[in-house]
Amino acid sequence: MKLKKMMTIAAAALMAVSMVACGSANSSDTNQSGSQPSENGTSDVSSSNSVVAGNPDEHTVEAIKQRGKLIVTTEATFPPLEFQNKNGEIVGLDASIAKALANDLGVELELQNIDFSSVITEVQAGNADIALAGLSPTEKRKESVDMTDLYYGGGEMVILVLEENVDKFATKESFNSAVIATQKGTIQQTLIEEQFADSTSLLLPKFPQCIQELKTGGADAVMVDGDTGKNYMKTTPGLAIAKVPVETDPVENGNAAAVMKGNEDFQKWVNERIAEYIEGGKIQEWYDAAVEEASAAGVM
């Protein structure tokens, strides 16, 4: 098997594309009140094991209530799970869950919009209580944090290509020399490396950048979850799902929240809330509303 080829993106190019896609990759963190919380670290997920872990006792249900604030990390360029509306507010399914959790706790919500590579490390370091950022509960992530039950997903992964290239990329082997884009640090990155090892991975900070690269010829394909891929097809003309299937583990192919390792108290409480939201139809309600808002805003 050939060695994995990786593409390096120049900082200037990343900044230019990022400005088109809901702010730069190093955009300032914001909370629901619009104020600026303290700057967060930028350690990559792959190096999270080197992060000095915080104290779980400071992030229990009672500790959060006494503090009067639930601190949530996210990366708001992944509609419909999280994105920014025209007023710059963070909205989407994950934002709705965060608001509901804060309401159930009876506390204020601080929703931090940071680099995707930092959403887990901030929880691990004790700078946040929970990460809600379209996270898949992979075994790699579970080495650094504890993951909640799945609250959405469990569906397929797809590869988006240009409609004109559907027949060109009809087999797994046809991707051997292709450039496949996805967001760095995601489960999609792992799937590309494992199942399309002879392709070239184009790893970008944000999914909208991946779609932009596909449209402008910088990438031949984009790997993304099925629901998000279908939503992009509705709002971005000329996209299609490749005929080649992506093998996934149903246990990992869904969305879960991340809490500090060993914080069983808060993990159990969040799992109970997730079960209530699913049973009461709230998760689907919030997801459908997010899809509608993202489509109206033109970000999907």
C-alpha atoms as a PDB file:
ATOM      1  CA  MET A   1       0.000   0.000   0.000  1.00  0.00           C
ATOM      2  CA  LYS A   2       1.322   3.414  -0.855  1.00  0.00           C
ATOM      3  CA  LEU A   3       2.248   5.831   1.874  1.00  0.00           C
ATOM      4  CA  LYS A   4      -0.499   8.215   2.866  1.00  0.00           C
ATOM      5  CA  LYS A   5      -0.092  11.563   1.108  1.00  0.00           C
ATOM      6  CA  MET A   6      -1.098  14.674   2.955  1.00  0.00           C
ATOM      7  CA  MET A   7      -1.604  18.164   1.525  1.00  0.00           C
ATOM      8  CA  THR A   8      -0.414  21.275   3.345  1.00  0.00           C
ATOM      9  CA  ILE A   9      -2.578  24.358   2.953  1.00  0.00           C
ATOM     10  CA  ALA A  10      -0.914  27.760   3.153  1.00  0.00           C
ATOM     11  CA  ALA A  11      -2.084  29.974   5.988  1.00  0.00           C
ATOM     12  CA  ALA A  12      -3.051  32.766   3.662  1.00  0.00           C
ATOM     13  CA  ALA A  13      -5.194  30.503   1.547  1.00  0.00           C
ATOM     14  CA  LEU A  14      -6.941  29.101   4.594  1.00  0.00           C
ATOM     15  CA  MET A  15      -7.698  32.574   5.868  1.00  0.00           C
ATOM     16  CA  ALA A  16      -9.120  33.648   2.552  1.00  0.00           C
ATOM     17  CA  VAL A  17     -11.439  30.687   2.261  1.00  0.00           C
ATOM     18  CA  SER A  18     -12.394  30.870   5.927  1.00  0.00           C
ATOM     19  CA  MET A  19     -13.575  34.438   5.563  1.00  0.00           C
ATOM     20  CA  VAL A  20     -16.040  33.181   2.974  1.00  0.00           C
ATOM     21  CA  ALA A  21     -17.212  30.405   5.283  1.00  0.00           C
ATOM     22  CA  CYS A  22     -18.527  32.002   8.483  1.00  0.00           C
ATOM     23  CA  GLY A  23     -15.335  33.595   9.756  1.00  0.00           C
ATOM     24  CA  SER A  24     -11.684  32.596   9.931  1.00  0.00           C
ATOM     25  CA  ALA A  25     -10.369  29.362  11.372  1.00  0.00           C
ATOM     26  CA  ASN A  26      -9.077  31.349  14.324  1.00  0.00           C
ATOM     27  CA  SER A  27     -12.221  33.377  14.904  1.00  0.00           C
ATOM     28  CA  SER A  28     -12.854  34.806  18.348  1.00  0.00           C
ATOM     29  CA  ASP A  29     -14.864  32.750  20.824  1.00  0.00           C
ATOM     30  CA  THR A  30     -18.333  34.039  21.547  1.00  0.00           C
ATOM     31  CA  ASN A  31     -21.012  33.222  24.068  1.00  0.00           C
ATOM     32  CA  GLN A  32     -24.758  33.703  23.983  1.00  0.00           C
ATOM     33  CA  SER A  33     -24.561  37.205  25.427  1.00  0.00           C
ATOM     34  CA  GLY A  34     -22.060  38.262  22.777  1.00  0.00           C
ATOM     35  CA  SER A  35     -19.234  38.905  25.241  1.00  0.00           C
ATOM     36  CA  GLN A  36     -15.692  37.608  24.784  1.00  0.00           C
ATOM     37  CA  PRO A  37     -14.660  34.790  27.118  1.00  0.00           C
ATOM     38  CA  SER A  38     -11.011  34.033  27.817  1.00  0.00           C
ATOM     39  CA  GLU A  39      -8.955  32.713  24.887  1.00  0.00           C
ATOM     40  CA  ASN A  40      -8.975  28.953  24.491  1.00  0.00           C
ATOM     41  CA  GLY A  41      -6.046  26.667  23.716  1.00  0.00           C
ATOM     42  CA  THR A  42      -5.530  25.296  20.230  1.00  0.00           C
ATOM     43  CA  SER A  43      -4.069  21.846  20.876  1.00  0.00           C
ATOM     44  CA  ASP A  44      -5.023  19.386  18.179  1.00  0.00           C
ATOM     45  CA  VAL A  45      -7.282  16.460  19.048  1.00  0.00           C
ATOM     46  CA  SER A  46      -4.499  14.071  18.117  1.00  0.00           C
ATOM     47  CA  SER A  47      -2.287  15.491  20.854  1.00  0.00           C
ATOM     48  CA  SER A  48      -5.033  15.740  23.499  1.00  0.00           C
ATOM     49  CA  ASN A  49      -3.448  13.025  25.611  1.00  0.00           C
ATOM     50  CA  SER A  50      -0.712  15.522  26.495  1.00  0.00           C
ATOM     51  CA  VAL A  51      -3.230  18.018  27.890  1.00  0.00           C
ATOM     52  CA  VAL A  52      -3.156  18.458  31.673  1.00  0.00           C
ATOM     53  CA  ALA A  53      -6.588  17.252  32.747  1.00  0.00           C
ATOM     54  CA  GLY A  54      -8.844  19.360  34.941  1.00  0.00           C
ATOM     55  CA  ASN A  55     -10.700  18.291  38.056  1.00  0.00           C
ATOM     56  CA  PRO A  56     -14.005  16.458  37.367  1.00  0.00           C
ATOM     57  CA  ASP A  57     -15.366  17.631  40.728  1.00  0.00           C
ATOM     58  CA  GLU A  58     -15.476  21.166  39.322  1.00  0.00           C
ATOM     59  CA  HIS A  59     -17.827  20.048  36.529  1.00  0.00           C
ATOM     60  CA  THR A  60     -20.462  17.973  38.299  1.00  0.00           C
ATOM     61  CA  VAL A  61     -24.142  18.929  38.123  1.00  0.00           C
ATOM     62  CA  GLU A  62     -23.947  20.571  41.563  1.00  0.00           C
ATOM     63  CA  ALA A  63     -20.708  22.389  40.731  1.00  0.00           C
ATOM     64  CA  ILE A  64     -22.222  23.838  37.555  1.00  0.00           C
ATOM     65  CA  LYS A  65     -25.327  24.959  39.459  1.00  0.00           C
ATOM     66  CA  GLN A  66     -23.203  26.661  42.100  1.00  0.00           C
ATOM     67  CA  ARG A  67     -21.152  28.370  39.402  1.00  0.00           C
ATOM     68  CA  GLY A  68     -24.352  29.521  37.711  1.00  0.00           C
ATOM     69  CA  LYS A  69     -23.031  28.908  34.209  1.00  0.00           C
ATOM     70  CA  LEU A  70     -22.821  25.976  31.789  1.00  0.00           C
ATOM     71  CA  ILE A  71     -19.764  26.315  29.534  1.00  0.00           C
ATOM     72  CA  VAL A  72     -20.127  24.577  26.164  1.00  0.00           C
ATOM     73  CA  THR A  73     -17.598  24.387  23.343  1.00  0.00           C
ATOM     74  CA  THR A  74     -18.555  24.068  19.682  1.00  0.00           C
ATOM     75  CA  GLU A  75     -17.321  24.994  16.197  1.00  0.00           C
ATOM     76  CA  ALA A  76     -20.094  26.798  14.391  1.00  0.00           C
ATOM     77  CA  THR A  77     -19.506  25.943  10.743  1.00  0.00           C
ATOM     78  CA  PHE A  78     -21.286  22.592  10.542  1.00  0.00           C
ATOM     79  CA  PRO A  79     -24.934  23.236   9.670  1.00  0.00           C
ATOM     80  CA  PRO A  80     -27.477  22.114  10.669  1.00  0.00           C
ATOM     81  CA  LEU A  81     -25.785  21.038  13.899  1.00  0.00           C
ATOM     82  CA  GLU A  82     -24.104  24.361  14.581  1.00  0.00           C
ATOM     83  CA  PHE A  83     -23.743  27.535  12.551  1.00  0.00           C
ATOM     84  CA  GLN A  84     -24.098  31.299  12.851  1.00  0.00           C
ATOM     85  CA  ASN A  85     -27.237  33.118  11.755  1.00  0.00           C
ATOM     86  CA  LYS A  86     -27.271  36.564  10.139  1.00  0.00           C
ATOM     87  CA  ASN A  87     -26.981  38.170  13.574  1.00  0.00           C
ATOM     88  CA  GLY A  88     -23.869  36.172  14.405  1.00  0.00           C
ATOM     89  CA  GLU A  89     -25.692  34.022  16.960  1.00  0.00           C
ATOM     90  CA  ILE A  90     -24.769  30.348  17.228  1.00  0.00           C
ATOM     91  CA  VAL A  91     -27.789  28.241  16.303  1.00  0.00           C
ATOM     92  CA  GLY A  92     -28.518  24.682  15.194  1.00  0.00           C
ATOM     93  CA  LEU A  93     -29.286  21.343  16.809  1.00  0.00           C
ATOM     94  CA  ASP A  94     -26.296  21.369  19.148  1.00  0.00           C
ATOM     95  CA  ALA A  95     -26.998  24.951  20.191  1.00  0.00           C
ATOM     96  CA  SER A  96     -30.608  23.989  20.980  1.00  0.00           C
ATOM     97  CA  ILE A  97     -29.413  21.069  23.093  1.00  0.00           C
ATOM     98  CA  ALA A  98     -26.969  23.344  24.911  1.00  0.00           C
ATOM     99  CA  LYS A  99     -29.738  25.832  25.682  1.00  0.00           C
ATOM    100  CA  ALA A 100     -32.030  23.061  26.932  1.00  0.00           C
ATOM    101  CA  LEU A 101     -29.313  21.659  29.197  1.00  0.00           C
ATOM    102  CA  ALA A 102     -28.646  25.098  30.666  1.00  0.00           C
ATOM    103  CA  ASN A 103     -32.370  25.660  31.221  1.00  0.00           C
ATOM    104  CA  ASP A 104     -32.720  22.292  32.933  1.00  0.00           C
ATOM    105  CA  LEU A 105     -29.795  23.182  35.184  1.00  0.00           C
ATOM    106  CA  GLY A 106     -31.241  26.619  35.866  1.00  0.00           C
ATOM    107  CA  VAL A 107     -28.032  28.370  34.847  1.00  0.00           C
ATOM    108  CA  GLU A 108     -26.682  30.779  32.222  1.00  0.00           C
ATOM    109  CA  LEU A 109     -25.266  29.350  28.992  1.00  0.00           C
ATOM    110  CA  GLU A 110     -21.829  30.277  27.694  1.00  0.00           C
ATOM    111  CA  LEU A 111     -21.496  28.835  24.208  1.00  0.00           C
ATOM    112  CA  GLN A 112     -17.935  29.146  22.916  1.00  0.00           C
ATOM    113  CA  ASN A 113     -17.224  29.084  19.189  1.00  0.00           C
ATOM    114  CA  ILE A 114     -13.647  27.834  18.834  1.00  0.00           C
ATOM    115  CA  ASP A 115     -11.467  25.801  16.489  1.00  0.00           C
ATOM    116  CA  PHE A 116     -12.713  22.239  16.074  1.00  0.00           C
ATOM    117  CA  SER A 117      -9.300  20.954  17.153  1.00  0.00           C
ATOM    118  CA  SER A 118      -9.873  22.544  20.574  1.00  0.00           C
ATOM    119  CA  VAL A 119     -13.458  21.641  21.449  1.00  0.00           C
ATOM    120  CA  ILE A 120     -12.431  18.411  23.183  1.00  0.00           C
ATOM    121  CA  THR A 121      -9.148  19.578  24.685  1.00  0.00           C
ATOM    122  CA  GLU A 122     -10.919  22.489  26.374  1.00  0.00           C
ATOM    123  CA  VAL A 123     -13.232  20.018  28.118  1.00  0.00           C
ATOM    124  CA  GLN A 124     -10.337  17.736  28.967  1.00  0.00           C
ATOM    125  CA  ALA A 125      -8.383  20.654  30.457  1.00  0.00           C
ATOM    126  CA  GLY A 126     -11.332  21.758  32.574  1.00  0.00           C
ATOM    127  CA  ASN A 127     -11.974  25.019  30.724  1.00  0.00           C
ATOM    128  CA  ALA A 128     -15.450  23.872  29.659  1.00  0.00           C
ATOM    129  CA  ASP A 129     -18.097  21.489  30.962  1.00  0.00           C
ATOM    130  CA  ILE A 130     -19.139  19.828  27.716  1.00  0.00           C
ATOM    131  CA  ALA A 131     -18.469  19.822  23.982  1.00  0.00           C
ATOM    132  CA  LEU A 132     -21.372  19.783  21.520  1.00  0.00           C
ATOM    133  CA  ALA A 133     -19.866  19.915  18.052  1.00  0.00           C
ATOM    134  CA  GLY A 134     -21.215  17.085  15.922  1.00  0.00           C
ATOM    135  CA  LEU A 135     -18.772  14.688  17.575  1.00  0.00           C
ATOM    136  CA  SER A 136     -18.658  10.990  16.783  1.00  0.00           C
ATOM    137  CA  PRO A 137     -17.898   8.826  19.848  1.00  0.00           C
ATOM    138  CA  THR A 138     -14.763   7.175  18.467  1.00  0.00           C
ATOM    139  CA  GLU A 139     -12.467   5.009  20.565  1.00  0.00           C
ATOM    140  CA  LYS A 140      -9.692   7.552  19.984  1.00  0.00           C
ATOM    141  CA  ARG A 141     -11.753  10.334  21.531  1.00  0.00           C
ATOM    142  CA  LYS A 142     -12.755   8.134  24.442  1.00  0.00           C
ATOM    143  CA  GLU A 143      -9.089   7.965  25.426  1.00  0.00           C
ATOM    144  CA  SER A 144      -9.266  11.671  26.307  1.00  0.00           C
ATOM    145  CA  VAL A 145     -12.882  12.298  27.340  1.00  0.00           C
ATOM    146  CA  ASP A 146     -16.063  10.431  28.181  1.00  0.00           C
ATOM    147  CA  MET A 147     -18.785  10.456  25.538  1.00  0.00           C
ATOM    148  CA  THR A 148     -22.515  10.576  26.143  1.00  0.00           C
ATOM    149  CA  ASP A 149     -25.125   8.433  24.439  1.00  0.00           C
ATOM    150  CA  LEU A 150     -25.878   9.255  20.801  1.00  0.00           C
ATOM    151  CA  TYR A 151     -28.430  12.030  20.450  1.00  0.00           C
ATOM    152  CA  TYR A 152     -28.609  12.070  16.644  1.00  0.00           C
ATOM    153  CA  GLY A 153     -27.216  10.290  13.623  1.00  0.00           C
ATOM    154  CA  GLY A 154     -26.145   6.729  13.215  1.00  0.00           C
ATOM    155  CA  GLY A 155     -26.756   6.997   9.476  1.00  0.00           C
ATOM    156  CA  GLU A 156     -24.471   6.626   6.507  1.00  0.00           C
ATOM    157  CA  MET A 157     -21.313   8.430   5.455  1.00  0.00           C
ATOM    158  CA  VAL A 158     -21.151   9.602   1.841  1.00  0.00           C
ATOM    159  CA  ILE A 159     -18.658  10.955  -0.645  1.00  0.00           C
ATOM    160  CA  LEU A 160     -19.781  14.054  -2.513  1.00  0.00           C
ATOM    161  CA  VAL A 161     -18.509  14.650  -6.048  1.00  0.00           C
ATOM    162  CA  LEU A 162     -19.500  16.919  -8.901  1.00  0.00           C
ATOM    163  CA  GLU A 163     -22.494  15.577 -10.826  1.00  0.00           C
ATOM    164  CA  GLU A 164     -20.411  15.424 -13.989  1.00  0.00           C
ATOM    165  CA  ASN A 165     -17.931  13.080 -12.260  1.00  0.00           C
ATOM    166  CA  VAL A 166     -20.357  10.494 -10.828  1.00  0.00           C
ATOM    167  CA  ASP A 167     -19.431   7.899 -13.434  1.00  0.00           C
ATOM    168  CA  LYS A 168     -15.724   8.760 -13.177  1.00  0.00           C
ATOM    169  CA  PHE A 169     -15.720   7.885  -9.470  1.00  0.00           C
ATOM    170  CA  ALA A 170     -17.813   4.734  -9.591  1.00  0.00           C
ATOM    171  CA  THR A 171     -15.415   2.340  -7.838  1.00  0.00           C
ATOM    172  CA  LYS A 172     -13.213   2.451  -4.769  1.00  0.00           C
ATOM    173  CA  GLU A 173     -10.129   2.153  -6.971  1.00  0.00           C
ATOM    174  CA  SER A 174     -11.155   5.251  -8.919  1.00  0.00           C
ATOM    175  CA  PHE A 175     -10.302   7.311  -5.841  1.00  0.00           C
ATOM    176  CA  ASN A 176      -6.687   6.046  -5.684  1.00  0.00           C
ATOM    177  CA  SER A 177      -5.266   9.233  -7.164  1.00  0.00           C
ATOM    178  CA  ALA A 178      -8.118  11.522  -6.107  1.00  0.00           C
ATOM    179  CA  VAL A 179      -8.055  14.370  -3.606  1.00  0.00           C
ATOM    180  CA  ILE A 180     -10.689  13.803  -0.914  1.00  0.00           C
ATOM    181  CA  ALA A 181     -11.424  16.760   1.351  1.00  0.00           C
ATOM    182  CA  THR A 182     -12.858  16.671   4.849  1.00  0.00           C
ATOM    183  CA  GLN A 183     -12.566  18.489   8.160  1.00  0.00           C
ATOM    184  CA  LYS A 184      -9.401  17.810  10.120  1.00  0.00           C
ATOM    185  CA  GLY A 185      -9.819  15.751  13.273  1.00  0.00           C
ATOM    186  CA  THR A 186     -13.179  14.230  12.305  1.00  0.00           C
ATOM    187  CA  ILE A 187     -14.225  10.612  11.964  1.00  0.00           C
ATOM    188  CA  GLN A 188     -14.270  11.228   8.210  1.00  0.00           C
ATOM    189  CA  GLN A 189     -10.517  11.817   8.289  1.00  0.00           C
ATOM    190  CA  THR A 190     -10.030   8.408   9.889  1.00  0.00           C
ATOM    191  CA  LEU A 191     -12.338   6.730   7.370  1.00  0.00           C
ATOM    192  CA  ILE A 192     -10.433   8.229   4.443  1.00  0.00           C
ATOM    193  CA  GLU A 193      -7.113   7.093   5.878  1.00  0.00           C
ATOM    194  CA  GLU A 194      -8.400   3.580   6.531  1.00  0.00           C
ATOM    195  CA  GLN A 195     -10.518   2.934   3.443  1.00  0.00           C
ATOM    196  CA  PHE A 196      -8.994   5.217   0.785  1.00  0.00           C
ATOM    197  CA  ALA A 197      -5.339   5.054   1.781  1.00  0.00           C
ATOM    198  CA  ASP A 198      -4.094   5.603  -1.779  1.00  0.00           C
ATOM    199  CA  SER A 199      -5.967   8.872  -2.171  1.00  0.00           C
ATOM    200  CA  THR A 200      -4.724  12.284  -1.089  1.00  0.00           C
ATOM    201  CA  SER A 201      -6.405  13.762   1.994  1.00  0.00           C
ATOM    202  CA  LEU A 202      -7.136  17.478   1.942  1.00  0.00           C
ATOM    203  CA  LEU A 203      -7.755  18.303   5.612  1.00  0.00           C
ATOM    204  CA  LEU A 204      -9.328  21.701   6.261  1.00  0.00           C
ATOM    205  CA  PRO A 205     -10.498  23.465   9.435  1.00  0.00           C
ATOM    206  CA  LYS A 206     -14.140  23.758   8.339  1.00  0.00           C
ATOM    207  CA  PHE A 207     -16.557  21.719   6.218  1.00  0.00           C
ATOM    208  CA  PRO A 208     -17.751  24.692   4.113  1.00  0.00           C
ATOM    209  CA  GLN A 209     -14.153  25.064   2.936  1.00  0.00           C
ATOM    210  CA  CYS A 210     -14.252  21.461   1.738  1.00  0.00           C
ATOM    211  CA  ILE A 211     -17.354  22.143  -0.348  1.00  0.00           C
ATOM    212  CA  GLN A 212     -15.708  25.272  -1.753  1.00  0.00           C
ATOM    213  CA  GLU A 213     -12.613  23.274  -2.754  1.00  0.00           C
ATOM    214  CA  LEU A 214     -14.811  20.704  -4.507  1.00  0.00           C
ATOM    215  CA  LYS A 215     -16.642  23.404  -6.433  1.00  0.00           C
ATOM    216  CA  THR A 216     -13.442  25.209  -7.479  1.00  0.00           C
ATOM    217  CA  GLY A 217     -11.449  22.105  -8.427  1.00  0.00           C
ATOM    218  CA  GLY A 218      -9.157  21.981  -5.412  1.00  0.00           C
ATOM    219  CA  ALA A 219     -10.629  18.616  -4.428  1.00  0.00           C
ATOM    220  CA  ASP A 220     -12.229  15.750  -6.336  1.00  0.00           C
ATOM    221  CA  ALA A 221     -14.533  14.727  -3.515  1.00  0.00           C
ATOM    222  CA  VAL A 222     -15.706  15.497   0.010  1.00  0.00           C
ATOM    223  CA  MET A 223     -16.496  12.921   2.679  1.00  0.00           C
ATOM    224  CA  VAL A 224     -19.303  13.935   5.035  1.00  0.00           C
ATOM    225  CA  ASP A 225     -22.203  12.338   6.892  1.00  0.00           C
ATOM    226  CA  GLY A 226     -25.230  11.462   4.796  1.00  0.00           C
ATOM    227  CA  ASP A 227     -27.698  14.002   6.193  1.00  0.00           C
ATOM    228  CA  THR A 228     -25.270  16.889   5.843  1.00  0.00           C
ATOM    229  CA  GLY A 229     -24.285  15.766   2.357  1.00  0.00           C
ATOM    230  CA  LYS A 230     -27.895  15.667   1.196  1.00  0.00           C
ATOM    231  CA  ASN A 231     -28.528  19.105   2.675  1.00  0.00           C
ATOM    232  CA  TYR A 232     -25.506  20.526   0.842  1.00  0.00           C
ATOM    233  CA  MET A 233     -26.866  19.051  -2.387  1.00  0.00           C
ATOM    234  CA  LYS A 234     -30.103  21.007  -1.905  1.00  0.00           C
ATOM    235  CA  THR A 235     -28.351  24.352  -1.612  1.00  0.00           C
ATOM    236  CA  THR A 236     -25.206  23.850  -3.716  1.00  0.00           C
ATOM    237  CA  PRO A 237     -25.979  23.096  -7.375  1.00  0.00           C
ATOM    238  CA  GLY A 238     -23.956  20.478  -9.165  1.00  0.00           C
ATOM    239  CA  LEU A 239     -23.205  18.081  -6.306  1.00  0.00           C
ATOM    240  CA  ALA A 240     -23.959  14.367  -6.228  1.00  0.00           C
ATOM    241  CA  ILE A 241     -23.298  11.370  -3.986  1.00  0.00           C
ATOM    242  CA  ALA A 242     -20.701   8.976  -5.370  1.00  0.00           C
ATOM    243  CA  LYS A 243     -21.742   5.367  -5.936  1.00  0.00           C
ATOM    244  CA  VAL A 244     -18.941   4.050  -3.712  1.00  0.00           C
ATOM    245  CA  PRO A 245     -20.144   3.141  -0.187  1.00  0.00           C
ATOM    246  CA  VAL A 246     -18.251   4.088   2.974  1.00  0.00           C
ATOM    247  CA  GLU A 247     -18.093   1.405   5.641  1.00  0.00           C
ATOM    248  CA  THR A 248     -18.944   2.654   9.133  1.00  0.00           C
ATOM    249  CA  ASP A 249     -19.472   1.391  12.659  1.00  0.00           C
ATOM    250  CA  PRO A 250     -23.056   2.261  13.742  1.00  0.00           C
ATOM    251  CA  VAL A 251     -21.818   2.746  17.309  1.00  0.00           C
ATOM    252  CA  GLU A 252     -19.463   5.519  16.212  1.00  0.00           C
ATOM    253  CA  ASN A 253     -21.402   6.949  13.288  1.00  0.00           C
ATOM    254  CA  GLY A 254     -23.580   9.387  15.171  1.00  0.00           C
ATOM    255  CA  ASN A 255     -23.407  12.476  17.330  1.00  0.00           C
ATOM    256  CA  ALA A 256     -22.580  12.485  21.037  1.00  0.00           C
ATOM    257  CA  ALA A 257     -21.379  15.075  23.534  1.00  0.00           C
ATOM    258  CA  ALA A 258     -18.016  14.979  25.308  1.00  0.00           C
ATOM    259  CA  VAL A 259     -17.518  15.514  29.052  1.00  0.00           C
ATOM    260  CA  MET A 260     -14.419  15.331  31.199  1.00  0.00           C
ATOM    261  CA  LYS A 261     -12.919  11.910  31.742  1.00  0.00           C
ATOM    262  CA  GLY A 262     -14.252  10.465  35.003  1.00  0.00           C
ATOM    263  CA  ASN A 263     -17.113  12.953  35.281  1.00  0.00           C
ATOM    264  CA  GLU A 264     -19.709  10.202  35.658  1.00  0.00           C
ATOM    265  CA  ASP A 265     -22.109  12.472  37.553  1.00  0.00           C
ATOM    266  CA  PHE A 266     -22.544  14.945  34.705  1.00  0.00           C
ATOM    267  CA  GLN A 267     -22.348  12.259  32.007  1.00  0.00           C
ATOM    268  CA  LYS A 268     -25.228  10.359  33.631  1.00  0.00           C
ATOM    269  CA  TRP A 269     -27.290  13.540  34.002  1.00  0.00           C
ATOM    270  CA  VAL A 270     -26.751  14.512  30.341  1.00  0.00           C
ATOM    271  CA  ASN A 271     -27.654  11.000  29.180  1.00  0.00           C
ATOM    272  CA  GLU A 272     -30.922  11.251  31.106  1.00  0.00           C
ATOM    273  CA  ARG A 273     -31.695  14.568  29.428  1.00  0.00           C
ATOM    274  CA  ILE A 274     -30.815  13.169  25.995  1.00  0.00           C
ATOM    275  CA  ALA A 275     -33.236  10.293  26.537  1.00  0.00           C
ATOM    276  CA  GLU A 276     -35.954  12.772  27.506  1.00  0.00           C
ATOM    277  CA  TYR A 277     -35.301  15.003  24.490  1.00  0.00           C
ATOM    278  CA  ILE A 278     -35.407  12.032  22.112  1.00  0.00           C
ATOM    279  CA  GLU A 279     -38.536  10.517  23.657  1.00  0.00           C
ATOM    280  CA  GLY A 280     -40.307  13.864  23.672  1.00  0.00           C
ATOM    281  CA  GLY A 281     -39.501  14.466  20.003  1.00  0.00           C
ATOM    282  CA  LYS A 282     -37.405  17.530  20.808  1.00  0.00           C
ATOM    283  CA  ILE A 283     -34.243  16.353  19.046  1.00  0.00           C
ATOM    284  CA  GLN A 284     -36.030  15.865  15.732  1.00  0.00           C
ATOM    285  CA  GLU A 285     -37.931  19.118  16.218  1.00  0.00           C
ATOM    286  CA  TRP A 286     -34.703  21.049  16.821  1.00  0.00           C
ATOM    287  CA  TYR A 287     -32.972  19.332  13.911  1.00  0.00           C
ATOM    288  CA  ASP A 288     -35.786  20.108  11.464  1.00  0.00           C
ATOM    289  CA  ALA A 289     -35.863  23.739  12.617  1.00  0.00           C
ATOM    290  CA  ALA A 290     -32.086  23.963  12.175  1.00  0.00           C
ATOM    291  CA  VAL A 291     -32.276  22.584   8.638  1.00  0.00           C
ATOM    292  CA  GLU A 292     -34.957  25.132   7.744  1.00  0.00           C
ATOM    293  CA  GLU A 293     -33.004  28.030   9.261  1.00  0.00           C
ATOM    294  CA  ALA A 294     -29.735  26.970   7.631  1.00  0.00           C
ATOM    295  CA  SER A 295     -31.397  26.639   4.239  1.00  0.00           C
ATOM    296  CA  ALA A 296     -33.042  30.027   4.584  1.00  0.00           C
ATOM    297  CA  ALA A 297     -29.716  31.569   5.555  1.00  0.00           C
ATOM    298  CA  GLY A 298     -28.017  29.977   2.560  1.00  0.00           C
ATOM    299  CA  VAL A 299     -25.330  28.232   4.623  1.00  0.00           C
ATOM    300  CA  MET A 300     -26.287  24.735   3.431  1.00  0.00           C
END
